């Protein structure tokens, strides 16, 4: 994916959508895999671990795609 050269408008649109996905990764419904407390909601520590994992995954995806962001000044500006 990084070795292929894409048209600038296509690359910019794809990178902006990727960035929107990474930035908007909030879970709209309760996740079943989180450890539930007495009231059925996730315990603070399981929610913290889940949030930290999701943030780290998003940062990793953007970091790995940085060579593509470097080819698109508009997407790089939005990322900044």
Protein backbone atom coordinates (compact mmCIF):
# COMPACT_ATOMS: atom_id res chain seq x y z
CA UNK A 1 0.00 0.00 0.00
CA UNK A 2 2.84 2.39 0.79
CA UNK A 3 4.76 1.53 -2.40
CA UNK A 4 1.89 2.36 -4.76
CA UNK A 5 1.50 5.93 -6.02
CA UNK A 6 -2.05 7.23 -5.85
CA UNK A 7 -3.67 10.24 -7.50
CA UNK A 8 -3.55 13.21 -5.15
CA UNK A 9 -7.34 13.73 -4.79
CA UNK A 10 -7.90 10.02 -4.14
CA UNK A 11 -5.05 9.87 -1.65
CA UNK A 12 -6.24 12.99 0.17
CA UNK A 13 -9.81 11.68 0.44
CA UNK A 14 -8.64 8.27 1.69
CA UNK A 15 -6.30 9.79 4.27
CA UNK A 16 -8.93 12.19 5.57
CA UNK A 17 -11.40 9.32 5.93
CA UNK A 18 -8.77 7.28 7.74
CA UNK A 19 -8.06 10.19 10.06
CA UNK A 20 -11.78 10.65 10.71
CA UNK A 21 -12.07 6.98 11.57
CA UNK A 22 -9.13 7.15 13.97
CA UNK A 23 -10.40 10.35 15.58
CA UNK A 24 -14.01 9.20 15.89
CA UNK A 25 -13.50 5.74 17.30
CA UNK A 26 -15.86 6.26 20.23
CA UNK A 27 -18.02 3.26 20.94
CA UNK A 28 -21.72 4.13 20.60
CA UNK A 29 -22.95 1.10 22.55
CA UNK A 30 -21.50 -0.59 25.63
CA UNK A 31 -18.82 -3.09 24.72
CA UNK A 32 -19.54 -6.61 25.87
CA UNK A 33 -15.86 -7.48 26.28
CA UNK A 34 -15.25 -4.94 29.04
CA UNK A 35 -15.39 -6.23 32.60
CA UNK A 36 -18.70 -5.15 34.03
CA UNK A 37 -19.18 -3.93 37.56
CA UNK A 38 -22.27 -4.48 39.72
CA UNK A 39 -24.39 -2.03 37.78
CA UNK A 40 -23.50 -3.51 34.39
CA UNK A 41 -21.29 -0.63 33.35
CA UNK A 42 -17.57 -1.15 32.71
CA UNK A 43 -15.33 -0.76 35.69
CA UNK A 44 -13.09 2.32 35.57
CA UNK A 45 -9.93 0.29 35.07
CA UNK A 46 -11.33 -1.79 32.20
CA UNK A 47 -12.62 1.37 30.53
CA UNK A 48 -9.21 3.00 30.97
CA UNK A 49 -7.39 0.01 29.49
CA UNK A 50 -9.81 -0.08 26.57
CA UNK A 51 -9.40 3.65 25.90
CA UNK A 52 -5.61 3.47 26.12
CA UNK A 53 -5.54 0.54 23.70
CA UNK A 54 -7.76 2.34 21.20
CA UNK A 55 -5.69 5.53 21.38
CA UNK A 56 -2.46 3.58 20.92
CA UNK A 57 -3.94 1.72 17.95
CA UNK A 58 -5.04 4.97 16.32
CA UNK A 59 -1.66 6.59 16.80
CA UNK A 60 0.03 3.50 15.37
CA UNK A 61 -2.17 3.53 12.24
CA UNK A 62 -1.46 7.20 11.57
CA UNK A 63 2.26 6.69 12.24
CA UNK A 64 2.45 3.78 9.81
CA UNK A 65 0.62 5.80 7.12
CA UNK A 66 2.81 8.88 7.54
CA UNK A 67 4.65 8.33 4.21
CA UNK A 68 1.28 8.68 2.50
CA UNK A 69 0.42 11.76 4.55
CA UNK A 70 3.72 13.26 3.39
CA UNK A 71 2.50 12.93 -0.22
CA UNK A 72 -0.71 14.86 0.50
CA UNK A 73 -0.16 18.41 1.83
CA UNK A 74 -3.88 18.92 2.55
CA UNK A 75 -4.20 15.73 4.61
CA UNK A 76 -0.93 16.52 6.39
CA UNK A 77 -2.26 19.96 7.31
CA UNK A 78 -5.44 18.44 8.75
CA UNK A 79 -3.36 15.90 10.66
CA UNK A 80 -1.27 18.72 12.10
